[in-house]
Amino acid sequence: MKVRPVFPGASVSSQISDIWLETRVAAESLADFVSGARLRLGVTGLSRAGKTVFITSLVHHLTRALVAGRKAHLPVFRALTEGRILSAHLDPQPDFNVPRFAYEEHLEALTSGEERHWPQSTRRISELRVSIEFNSKAWSLRHLGQAHARLDIDIVDYPGEWLLDLPLLGKTYAQWSHETLEAASAAARAPIAANWRGATAAADPKGRYSEQTAQKLARLFTEYLRLAKTERFALSTLPPGRFLMPGDLEGSPALTFAPLPVAEGEELPYRSLGREMERRYEAYKTHVVKPFFRDHFARLDRQIVLVDALTALNSGPAAVRDLENALTDVLNAFRTGRSNLITQMFRPKIDRILFAATKADHLHHTSHDRLEAILRHLTSRAIARAEGVGAEIDVIAMAAVRATREAMVRHEGEKLAAIVGTPIEGERIGDDVFDGIAEGAIFPGELPEDPKLVFRGDALALDEEEAEYRFLKFRPPVAKIAKDQEALPLPHIRLDRAMEFLFGDKLA
């Protein structure tokens, strides 16, 4: 009997390990199933996509919805507008070995009056449980006098960069090296990869291993990844993800490797540089990637992927195409398909995925449908595959916290649709620099009707004059205070539509 690898491209020596991994996943999934009405919701996105703000706003709206008034704030969220939600509150999370999402700290950052600011970005996995008490519409429950029900939503927050590591499980060191070196030679990346590529060209994979050489190559490789990730370039496809978020693994051999030009199946001498780099790459997959897959990712039921498309548009067509490739890799990593009793018990599948283009408040509402069209085009290849196995997928333009409002302004005798907000200190338009206090009325421009137009060209926009689009950053809005002296939920754009898609059916 042949053993089929769990991950395509896995070597025979790793197949037993992969089968054990799948057995662990099945056992943990069964434990989740028997614990009761529960939904594990994954929240991810690449850097600066707004994961922390989304979770904070989502939880704040749920737990304060009855105080805030349901119809005015979340009109699309049916269970609330129908008056069936009785309460929503935070409960202790189920996983004791996962850091708690710092909800209270992040909410304080968003609502602290003149000191308000955007909270720190996600740099590690975290978790939070929201428990919702509601009246079910199910005839069977009402007939038995058990209309009162409860749903525990376990929100799992993790960096999208970690998700891009999952394809490494099916790649050898030689395959990954070839792909990474080839990508770095492209026009958009070559200038920022020059120092690392130069050092790599001077290194001999078959030469004697030197820790000094290994550390130098890893440091230059990491610098290239870090520079590519900045807003100036906004590139997305940059595994290994932990190189930029090392945590307690910083300085460990599992994070001290880099690609080298080695051929597939090439025999590398004992104690050579190439062989040691390969050994560390395999250790990264074993000690970093597989535990994330086993303990967290493989147990998800629903998923939202937040996408900062506007930053990619700021940086030019090359960044947009790179984002398209990253989103395809992200969706290909998901276990998608229709869930049934067996899969829920032993091998959960993600049956609903929402792609959300964030920061829709940086545009006038007349461009929201165009932003959605761009995101749908970016994800079209991957969506076709996921829908083919029964997964339900939607795409929206959203702002979990709306930092601007809309207004019509007159400029040189012409009326323009503008957005009004408080730009973050240091933001600029031409020679005008904002101080973080004064409001500004800004005409953000219009996105093209044809989403394919944002892919035209090859270069990155390296300065403001070269950029076809330029979107400013705004401070959070001032929170309104309720009679109980607690902050009311902040305004949003389509957060209720996201809630309805992700878990509205579980509250029916």
Protein backbone atom coordinates (compact mmCIF):
# COMPACT_ATOMS: atom_id res chain seq x y z
CA MET A 1 0.00 0.00 0.00
CA LYS A 2 1.34 3.42 -0.96
CA VAL A 3 1.18 6.25 1.54
CA ARG A 4 -0.09 9.42 -0.07
CA PRO A 5 1.69 12.58 1.16
CA VAL A 6 -0.58 15.00 3.01
CA PHE A 7 1.29 17.92 1.47
CA PRO A 8 2.13 17.76 -2.25
CA GLY A 9 5.85 17.32 -2.79
CA ALA A 10 6.47 15.87 0.69
CA SER A 11 9.36 13.40 0.80
CA VAL A 12 8.84 9.77 1.78
CA SER A 13 10.77 10.36 5.01
CA SER A 14 8.24 13.01 6.09
CA GLN A 15 5.05 11.06 5.31
CA ILE A 16 4.82 9.29 8.68
CA SER A 17 5.20 12.65 10.41
CA ASP A 18 2.44 14.11 8.22
CA ILE A 19 0.08 11.25 9.04
CA TRP A 20 0.72 11.77 12.76
CA LEU A 21 0.04 15.49 12.28
CA GLU A 22 -3.31 14.72 10.63
CA THR A 23 -4.18 12.35 13.48
CA ARG A 24 -3.51 15.11 16.01
CA VAL A 25 -5.69 17.51 14.02
CA ALA A 26 -8.54 14.99 13.94
CA ALA A 27 -8.33 14.42 17.71
CA GLU A 28 -8.37 18.14 18.48
CA SER A 29 -11.23 18.71 16.04
CA LEU A 30 -13.31 16.01 17.73
CA ALA A 31 -12.68 17.67 21.09
CA ASP A 32 -13.86 20.99 19.62
CA PHE A 33 -17.00 19.35 18.23
CA VAL A 34 -18.16 17.72 21.45
CA SER A 35 -17.65 20.95 23.42
CA GLY A 36 -20.91 22.42 22.06
CA ALA A 37 -22.19 25.13 19.68
CA ARG A 38 -18.95 26.73 18.67
CA LEU A 39 -17.47 28.48 15.66
CA ARG A 40 -13.76 29.09 15.13
CA LEU A 41 -13.36 32.25 13.05
CA GLY A 42 -9.96 32.96 11.55
CA VAL A 43 -8.99 36.60 11.00
CA THR A 44 -5.95 37.24 8.86
CA GLY A 45 -4.45 39.62 6.35
CA LEU A 46 -1.05 40.88 5.36
CA SER A 47 0.62 43.69 7.32
CA ARG A 48 -1.37 46.90 7.81
CA ALA A 49 -4.61 45.34 6.54
CA GLY A 50 -6.45 46.19 9.76
CA LYS A 51 -6.86 42.85 11.58
CA THR A 52 -6.59 44.35 15.07
CA VAL A 53 -9.07 47.13 14.30
CA PHE A 54 -11.51 44.68 12.71
CA ILE A 55 -11.60 42.36 15.73
CA THR A 56 -11.83 45.23 18.21
CA SER A 57 -14.69 46.87 16.31
CA LEU A 58 -16.50 43.56 15.77
CA VAL A 59 -16.41 42.65 19.47
CA HIS A 60 -17.30 46.18 20.56
CA HIS A 61 -20.35 46.24 18.28
CA LEU A 62 -21.51 42.81 19.44
CA THR A 63 -21.11 43.47 23.15
CA ARG A 64 -22.57 47.00 22.99
CA ALA A 65 -25.21 46.47 20.28
CA LEU A 66 -28.20 46.50 22.63
CA VAL A 67 -27.00 49.75 24.21
CA ALA A 68 -26.18 51.39 20.88
CA GLY A 69 -29.51 50.60 19.18
CA ARG A 70 -29.60 47.71 16.77
CA LYS A 71 -31.22 49.02 13.61
CA ALA A 72 -29.20 52.21 13.32
CA HIS A 73 -25.76 50.65 13.64
CA LEU A 74 -25.95 47.11 12.22
CA PRO A 75 -28.97 47.02 9.88
CA VAL A 76 -27.79 44.03 7.80
CA PHE A 77 -27.06 41.80 10.81
CA ARG A 78 -30.42 39.98 10.89
CA ALA A 79 -30.38 38.31 14.29
CA LEU A 80 -29.89 41.72 15.86
CA THR A 81 -32.41 43.68 13.78
CA GLU A 82 -34.99 40.94 14.36
CA GLY A 83 -34.53 41.40 18.10
CA ARG A 84 -33.39 37.82 18.69
CA ILE A 85 -29.99 38.55 20.28
CA LEU A 86 -30.40 38.62 24.04
CA SER A 87 -26.82 39.37 25.04
CA ALA A 88 -23.20 39.10 23.91
CA HIS A 89 -20.25 39.02 26.26
CA LEU A 90 -16.63 37.96 26.50
CA ASP A 91 -15.86 34.56 28.01
CA PRO A 92 -12.56 32.85 28.86
CA GLN A 93 -10.93 31.49 25.74
CA PRO A 94 -10.61 27.70 25.34
CA ASP A 95 -6.87 27.48 24.52
CA PHE A 96 -4.68 28.13 27.55
CA ASN A 97 -1.44 28.16 25.52
CA VAL A 98 -2.51 30.97 23.15
CA PRO A 99 -2.12 34.67 24.11
CA ARG A 100 -5.40 36.49 24.67
CA PHE A 101 -6.29 39.18 22.13
CA ALA A 102 -5.77 42.46 23.99
CA TYR A 103 -9.28 43.74 23.30
CA GLU A 104 -9.53 46.22 26.18
CA GLU A 105 -6.14 47.75 25.38
CA HIS A 106 -6.96 48.13 21.69
CA LEU A 107 -10.38 49.61 22.43
CA GLU A 108 -8.79 52.17 24.76
CA ALA A 109 -6.39 53.18 21.96
CA LEU A 110 -9.29 53.78 19.55
CA THR A 111 -11.58 55.64 21.95
CA SER A 112 -9.27 57.67 24.22
CA GLY A 113 -10.42 61.15 23.12
CA GLU A 114 -7.65 63.45 21.97
CA GLU A 115 -5.07 60.70 22.57
CA ARG A 116 -6.86 58.24 20.27
CA HIS A 117 -4.71 56.31 17.83
CA TRP A 118 -4.70 53.12 15.81
CA PRO A 119 -3.63 50.09 17.90
CA GLN A 120 -0.48 48.06 17.33
CA SER A 121 -0.50 45.64 14.41
CA THR A 122 -0.78 41.87 14.80
CA ARG A 123 2.63 40.28 15.28
CA ARG A 124 1.64 36.95 16.83
CA ILE A 125 -1.32 34.63 17.12
CA SER A 126 -3.99 35.52 19.68
CA GLU A 127 -7.50 34.44 20.57
CA LEU A 128 -10.72 35.79 22.05
CA ARG A 129 -14.11 34.19 22.75
CA VAL A 130 -17.41 36.03 22.32
CA SER A 131 -20.51 34.22 23.56
CA ILE A 132 -23.87 35.20 22.07
CA GLU A 133 -27.19 34.31 23.72
CA PHE A 134 -30.07 34.39 21.22
CA ASN A 135 -33.54 33.12 20.40
CA SER A 136 -33.40 30.62 17.56
CA LYS A 137 -35.87 30.63 14.67
CA ALA A 138 -35.42 26.87 14.14
CA TRP A 139 -38.82 25.16 14.21
CA SER A 140 -37.42 22.04 15.85
CA LEU A 141 -36.05 23.97 18.82
CA ARG A 142 -39.17 26.08 19.23
CA HIS A 143 -41.36 22.97 19.07
CA LEU A 144 -39.36 21.46 21.93
CA GLY A 145 -39.49 24.67 23.93
CA GLN A 146 -35.74 25.24 23.54
CA ALA A 147 -35.65 28.36 21.43
CA HIS A 148 -33.03 29.93 23.71
CA ALA A 149 -29.59 29.10 22.28
CA ARG A 150 -25.96 30.06 22.61
CA LEU A 151 -23.08 30.37 20.16
CA ASP A 152 -19.45 30.65 21.22
CA ILE A 153 -17.33 32.40 18.58
CA ASP A 154 -13.62 31.79 19.06
CA ILE A 155 -11.81 34.50 17.12
CA VAL A 156 -8.30 33.44 16.08
CA ASP A 157 -6.12 36.37 15.01
CA TYR A 158 -2.95 35.51 13.12
CA PRO A 159 -0.58 37.28 10.68
CA GLY A 160 -1.22 36.56 7.03
CA GLU A 161 2.52 36.18 6.55
CA TRP A 162 2.31 32.94 8.55
CA LEU A 163 -0.33 31.67 6.15
CA LEU A 164 2.03 32.19 3.23
CA ASP A 165 4.42 29.76 4.95
CA LEU A 166 2.06 26.80 4.56
CA PRO A 167 3.05 26.11 0.92
CA LEU A 168 6.61 25.56 2.20
CA LEU A 169 5.44 22.24 3.67
CA GLY A 170 5.27 20.86 0.14
CA LYS A 171 8.53 22.36 -1.10
CA THR A 172 12.11 21.20 -0.81
CA TYR A 173 14.88 23.64 0.05
CA ALA A 174 16.03 23.57 -3.59
CA GLN A 175 12.52 24.40 -4.87
CA TRP A 176 12.03 27.25 -2.41
CA SER A 177 15.51 28.64 -3.14
CA HIS A 178 14.93 28.62 -6.89
CA GLU A 179 11.55 30.38 -6.59
CA THR A 180 12.85 32.99 -4.14
CA LEU A 181 15.97 33.82 -6.13
CA GLU A 182 13.98 34.03 -9.36
CA ALA A 183 11.40 36.37 -7.78
CA ALA A 184 14.16 38.61 -6.43
CA SER A 185 15.57 39.08 -9.95
CA ALA A 186 12.32 40.64 -11.22
CA ALA A 187 12.38 44.34 -12.07
CA ALA A 188 10.27 45.33 -9.06
CA ARG A 189 12.53 43.53 -6.57
CA ALA A 190 16.03 43.53 -8.02
CA PRO A 191 17.04 47.00 -6.73
CA ILE A 192 16.07 46.25 -3.13
CA ALA A 193 17.56 42.74 -3.26
CA ALA A 194 20.92 43.83 -4.68
CA ASN A 195 23.01 43.52 -1.48
CA TRP A 196 21.65 40.11 -0.57
CA ARG A 197 21.89 38.78 -4.15
CA GLY A 198 25.48 39.98 -4.38
CA ALA A 199 26.44 38.13 -1.19
CA THR A 200 24.57 35.02 -2.37
CA ALA A 201 26.43 35.04 -5.70
CA ALA A 202 29.74 35.12 -3.81
CA ALA A 203 28.80 32.18 -1.55
CA ASP A 204 29.64 28.58 -2.46
CA PRO A 205 26.82 26.17 -1.47
CA LYS A 206 29.30 23.26 -1.58
CA GLY A 207 31.94 25.13 0.40
CA ARG A 208 32.66 24.59 4.08
CA TYR A 209 29.90 25.77 6.41
CA SER A 210 30.68 28.96 8.32
CA GLU A 211 28.30 30.36 10.95
CA GLN A 212 29.52 33.85 10.13
CA THR A 213 28.55 33.37 6.46
CA ALA A 214 25.19 31.85 7.38
CA GLN A 215 24.35 34.77 9.68
CA LYS A 216 25.42 37.33 7.08
CA LEU A 217 23.27 35.78 4.35
CA ALA A 218 20.29 35.45 6.70
CA ARG A 219 20.68 39.08 7.84
CA LEU A 220 20.87 40.45 4.28
CA PHE A 221 17.94 38.25 3.21
CA THR A 222 15.86 39.53 6.13
CA GLU A 223 16.76 43.13 5.29
CA TYR A 224 15.51 42.54 1.75
CA LEU A 225 12.23 41.09 3.07
CA ARG A 226 11.80 44.00 5.49
CA LEU A 227 12.43 46.63 2.82
CA ALA A 228 10.06 44.92 0.38
CA LYS A 229 7.35 45.04 3.06
CA THR A 230 7.53 48.80 3.65
CA GLU A 231 4.75 51.02 2.31
CA ARG A 232 7.09 52.40 -0.33
CA PHE A 233 7.17 49.02 -2.09
CA ALA A 234 4.21 47.16 -0.48
CA LEU A 235 5.22 43.74 -1.81
CA SER A 236 3.33 40.79 -0.37
CA THR A 237 4.72 37.37 -1.35
CA LEU A 238 7.60 37.16 1.12
CA PRO A 239 7.92 33.85 2.96
CA PRO A 240 9.29 32.80 5.44
CA GLY A 241 6.87 34.93 7.45
CA ARG A 242 8.61 34.57 10.82
CA PHE A 243 11.76 36.29 9.57
CA LEU A 244 9.95 39.62 10.05
CA MET A 245 8.09 38.46 13.19
CA PRO A 246 10.63 36.23 14.97
CA GLY A 247 9.31 36.51 18.53
CA ASP A 248 11.18 34.20 20.92
CA LEU A 249 12.81 32.43 17.95
CA GLU A 250 14.97 35.46 17.11
CA GLY A 251 18.58 34.41 16.64
CA SER A 252 17.77 30.68 16.56
CA PRO A 253 19.19 28.45 13.80
CA ALA A 254 15.61 27.84 12.57
CA LEU A 255 15.53 31.51 11.54
CA THR A 256 19.13 31.74 10.36
CA PHE A 257 19.06 30.50 6.80
CA ALA A 258 18.69 31.90 3.28
CA PRO A 259 18.18 30.56 -0.23
CA LEU A 260 21.16 29.34 -2.24
CA PRO A 261 21.41 28.28 -5.91
CA VAL A 262 21.25 24.49 -5.46
CA ALA A 263 19.77 22.01 -7.92
CA GLU A 264 16.89 19.68 -7.04
CA GLY A 265 18.31 16.33 -5.93
CA GLU A 266 21.87 17.67 -5.81
CA GLU A 267 24.04 15.90 -3.24
CA LEU A 268 25.60 18.51 -0.98
CA PRO A 269 28.82 17.64 0.89
CA TYR A 270 28.68 16.93 4.60
CA ARG A 271 29.05 20.14 6.66
CA SER A 272 28.78 22.32 3.56
CA LEU A 273 27.03 25.68 3.65
CA GLY A 274 24.21 24.47 1.39
CA ARG A 275 23.58 21.35 3.46
CA GLU A 276 23.37 23.34 6.70
CA MET A 277 21.01 25.88 5.12
CA GLU A 278 18.82 22.99 3.95
CA ARG A 279 18.84 21.47 7.44
CA ARG A 280 17.72 24.77 8.99
CA TYR A 281 15.01 25.23 6.36
CA GLU A 282 13.61 21.81 7.25
CA ALA A 283 13.81 22.72 10.95
CA TYR A 284 11.79 25.87 10.23
CA LYS A 285 9.05 23.76 8.65
CA THR A 286 9.09 21.26 11.52
CA HIS A 287 9.23 23.64 14.49
CA VAL A 288 7.42 26.70 13.13
CA VAL A 289 5.11 25.94 10.21
CA LYS A 290 3.71 22.52 11.15
CA PRO A 291 2.74 23.49 14.74
CA PHE A 292 0.83 26.51 13.41
CA PHE A 293 -1.00 24.32 10.90
CA ARG A 294 -1.78 21.61 13.46
CA ASP A 295 -2.74 23.71 16.48
CA HIS A 296 -4.57 26.60 14.87
CA PHE A 297 -5.05 26.79 11.14
CA ALA A 298 -6.42 23.29 10.51
CA ARG A 299 -9.20 23.80 13.08
CA LEU A 300 -10.82 26.88 11.52
CA ASP A 301 -14.47 26.86 10.37
CA ARG A 302 -14.83 30.33 8.82
CA GLN A 303 -12.27 32.85 7.61
CA ILE A 304 -12.01 36.53 6.78
CA VAL A 305 -9.00 37.78 4.81
CA LEU A 306 -8.44 41.53 5.12
CA VAL A 307 -6.71 43.15 2.16
CA ASP A 308 -5.07 46.57 2.06
CA ALA A 309 -5.49 47.07 -1.68
CA LEU A 310 -5.10 50.85 -1.43
CA THR A 311 -1.49 50.63 -0.22
CA ALA A 312 -0.67 48.35 -3.16
CA LEU A 313 -2.33 50.85 -5.51
CA ASN A 314 -0.19 53.59 -3.98
CA SER A 315 2.95 51.61 -4.84
CA GLY A 316 2.07 50.79 -8.42
CA PRO A 317 1.15 47.89 -10.75
CA ALA A 318 4.04 45.64 -9.64
CA ALA A 319 2.80 45.72 -6.06
CA VAL A 320 -0.75 45.02 -7.23
CA ARG A 321 0.35 41.95 -9.17
CA ASP A 322 2.40 40.75 -6.22
CA LEU A 323 -0.67 41.12 -4.01
CA GLU A 324 -2.65 39.02 -6.51
CA ASN A 325 -0.07 36.22 -6.24
CA ALA A 326 -0.10 36.42 -2.44
CA LEU A 327 -3.90 36.20 -2.26
CA THR A 328 -3.87 33.18 -4.58
CA ASP A 329 -1.34 31.48 -2.29
CA VAL A 330 -3.46 32.40 0.74
CA LEU A 331 -6.64 30.85 -0.64
CA ASN A 332 -4.81 27.79 -1.93
CA ALA A 333 -3.62 27.16 1.64
CA PHE A 334 -7.17 26.90 3.02
CA ARG A 335 -8.95 23.58 3.44
CA THR A 336 -12.14 24.62 1.71
CA GLY A 337 -15.37 22.81 1.02
CA ARG A 338 -18.81 22.06 2.39
CA SER A 339 -18.86 20.94 5.99
CA ASN A 340 -20.80 17.92 7.14
CA LEU A 341 -21.04 16.03 10.41
CA ILE A 342 -17.95 13.92 9.72
CA THR A 343 -15.73 16.84 8.66
CA GLN A 344 -16.91 18.92 11.61
CA MET A 345 -15.91 16.11 13.96
CA PHE A 346 -12.60 15.02 12.47
CA ARG A 347 -11.36 17.30 9.72
CA PRO A 348 -12.94 20.78 9.67
CA LYS A 349 -13.22 22.56 6.37
CA ILE A 350 -13.57 26.28 5.88
CA ASP A 351 -16.95 26.59 4.20
CA ARG A 352 -17.13 30.39 4.10
CA ILE A 353 -14.36 32.84 3.25
CA LEU A 354 -14.78 36.58 3.09
CA PHE A 355 -12.25 38.79 1.31
CA ALA A 356 -12.58 42.35 2.56
CA ALA A 357 -10.87 45.36 0.98
CA THR A 358 -10.23 47.53 4.02
CA LYS A 359 -10.02 51.31 4.39
CA ALA A 360 -13.06 51.90 2.16
CA ASP A 361 -13.53 55.12 4.12
CA HIS A 362 -10.49 56.52 2.28
CA LEU A 363 -12.67 56.64 -0.84
CA HIS A 364 -16.00 58.26 -1.63
CA HIS A 365 -18.80 55.70 -1.64
CA THR A 366 -19.12 56.04 -5.42
CA SER A 367 -15.80 54.16 -5.71
CA HIS A 368 -16.63 51.35 -3.29
CA ASP A 369 -18.03 49.08 -5.99
CA ARG A 370 -14.87 49.69 -8.02
CA LEU A 371 -12.71 48.75 -5.03
CA GLU A 372 -14.72 45.54 -4.68
CA ALA A 373 -14.26 44.85 -8.40
CA ILE A 374 -10.48 45.26 -8.07
CA LEU A 375 -10.38 42.84 -5.13
CA ARG A 376 -12.60 40.34 -6.95
CA HIS A 377 -10.24 40.50 -9.92
CA LEU A 378 -7.23 40.00 -7.61
CA THR A 379 -8.77 36.86 -6.14
CA SER A 380 -10.59 35.49 -9.20
CA ARG A 381 -8.16 32.62 -9.87
CA ALA A 382 -8.25 31.35 -6.32
CA ILE A 383 -12.00 31.90 -5.88
CA ALA A 384 -12.79 29.72 -8.90
CA ARG A 385 -10.89 26.84 -7.30
CA ALA A 386 -12.51 27.21 -3.87
CA GLU A 387 -16.04 27.55 -5.23
CA GLY A 388 -15.51 24.38 -7.23
CA VAL A 389 -15.30 22.33 -4.01
CA GLY A 390 -18.36 23.91 -2.40
CA ALA A 391 -16.95 26.78 -0.37
CA GLU A 392 -18.98 29.99 -0.24
CA ILE A 393 -16.93 33.12 -0.92
CA ASP A 394 -17.80 36.80 -0.90
CA VAL A 395 -15.92 40.02 -1.57
CA ILE A 396 -16.70 43.39 0.03
CA ALA A 397 -15.24 46.87 0.49
CA MET A 398 -15.29 47.63 4.19
CA ALA A 399 -14.04 49.88 6.99
CA ALA A 400 -14.31 48.30 10.44
CA VAL A 401 -13.87 51.81 11.82
CA ARG A 402 -14.89 54.70 9.61
CA ALA A 403 -12.41 57.54 10.06
CA THR A 404 -13.97 59.95 7.54
CA ARG A 405 -17.32 61.35 6.46
CA GLU A 406 -18.40 62.51 3.02
CA ALA A 407 -19.08 66.02 1.78
CA MET A 408 -19.43 68.01 -1.43
CA VAL A 409 -16.82 70.75 -1.80
CA ARG A 410 -16.46 73.47 -4.39
CA HIS A 411 -13.11 73.79 -6.13
CA GLU A 412 -12.52 76.33 -8.92
CA GLY A 413 -16.26 76.54 -9.49
CA GLU A 414 -16.73 72.77 -9.67
CA LYS A 415 -18.44 70.56 -7.08
CA LEU A 416 -16.36 67.58 -6.03
CA ALA A 417 -17.25 64.54 -3.90
CA ALA A 418 -14.77 64.67 -1.02
CA ILE A 419 -14.01 62.85 2.21
CA VAL A 420 -13.46 64.79 5.44
CA GLY A 421 -11.31 63.55 8.31
CA THR A 422 -8.26 64.26 10.45
CA PRO A 423 -5.11 63.10 8.63
CA ILE A 424 -2.41 61.58 10.82
CA GLU A 425 0.40 63.98 11.74
CA GLY A 426 2.98 64.11 8.98
CA GLU A 427 0.66 63.12 6.13
CA ARG A 428 1.02 65.47 3.18
CA ILE A 429 -0.48 66.53 -0.10
CA GLY A 430 2.10 68.36 -2.18
CA ASP A 431 3.63 71.00 0.09
CA ASP A 432 0.82 70.85 2.66
CA VAL A 433 1.72 68.84 5.77
CA PHE A 434 -1.01 67.92 8.27
CA ASP A 435 -0.55 68.35 12.02
CA GLY A 436 -2.81 65.55 13.25
CA ILE A 437 -5.31 68.03 14.73
CA ALA A 438 -6.95 69.94 11.90
CA GLU A 439 -9.50 68.30 9.65
CA GLY A 440 -9.09 68.27 5.92
CA ALA A 441 -11.51 67.91 3.02
CA ILE A 442 -9.77 65.73 0.46
CA PHE A 443 -10.73 64.63 -3.02
CA PRO A 444 -9.36 61.05 -3.17
CA GLY A 445 -9.90 60.61 -6.89
CA GLU A 446 -11.73 57.77 -8.60
CA LEU A 447 -10.70 54.21 -9.16
CA PRO A 448 -11.00 52.96 -12.75
CA GLU A 449 -14.20 51.27 -13.90
CA ASP A 450 -12.14 48.48 -15.45
CA PRO A 451 -10.16 46.74 -12.65
CA LYS A 452 -7.61 45.44 -15.15
CA LEU A 453 -6.24 48.96 -15.57
CA VAL A 454 -4.53 48.86 -12.15
CA PHE A 455 -2.25 46.08 -13.43
CA ARG A 456 -0.79 48.06 -16.32
CA GLY A 457 2.90 48.86 -16.15
CA ASP A 458 5.88 47.21 -14.50
CA ALA A 459 7.45 49.69 -12.13
CA LEU A 460 6.87 50.54 -8.51
CA ALA A 461 5.95 54.14 -7.73
CA LEU A 462 9.00 55.33 -5.84
CA ASP A 463 7.80 58.85 -5.06
CA GLU A 464 4.59 60.84 -4.88
CA GLU A 465 4.93 62.26 -8.38
CA GLU A 466 5.13 58.77 -9.93
CA ALA A 467 2.09 57.41 -8.08
CA GLU A 468 -1.17 57.25 -10.00
CA TYR A 469 -3.10 56.95 -6.72
CA ARG A 470 -2.31 58.51 -3.36
CA PHE A 471 -4.43 57.75 -0.29
CA LEU A 472 -3.83 59.49 3.02
CA LYS A 473 -4.05 57.95 6.50
CA PHE A 474 -6.55 59.35 8.98
CA ARG A 475 -6.86 59.28 12.76
CA PRO A 476 -9.75 57.33 14.31
CA PRO A 477 -12.95 59.36 14.80
CA VAL A 478 -13.91 60.72 18.21
CA ALA A 479 -16.01 58.16 20.08
CA LYS A 480 -19.44 59.10 21.45
CA ILE A 481 -20.08 58.30 25.10
CA ALA A 482 -23.26 56.51 26.30
CA LYS A 483 -25.18 57.20 29.52
CA ASP A 484 -23.15 54.52 31.29
CA GLN A 485 -20.02 56.59 30.49
CA GLU A 486 -18.66 53.88 28.21
CA ALA A 487 -17.79 54.48 24.54
CA LEU A 488 -20.40 53.60 21.95
CA PRO A 489 -19.28 51.58 18.91
CA LEU A 490 -17.45 53.64 16.32
CA PRO A 491 -18.97 54.17 12.86
CA HIS A 492 -18.19 51.58 10.20
CA ILE A 493 -18.77 50.67 6.57
CA ARG A 494 -20.33 47.23 5.93
CA LEU A 495 -19.11 45.62 9.14
CA ASP A 496 -22.66 44.30 9.59
CA ARG A 497 -22.53 42.69 6.15
CA ALA A 498 -19.32 40.92 7.16
CA MET A 499 -20.91 39.71 10.41
CA GLU A 500 -23.97 38.38 8.62
CA PHE A 501 -21.87 36.45 6.10
CA LEU A 502 -19.40 35.02 8.63
CA PHE A 503 -21.77 33.81 11.33
CA GLY A 504 -25.30 35.09 10.71
CA ASP A 505 -26.49 31.64 9.61
CA LYS A 506 -25.37 30.17 12.96
CA LEU A 507 -27.76 32.54 14.74
CA ALA A 508 -30.85 31.52 12.74
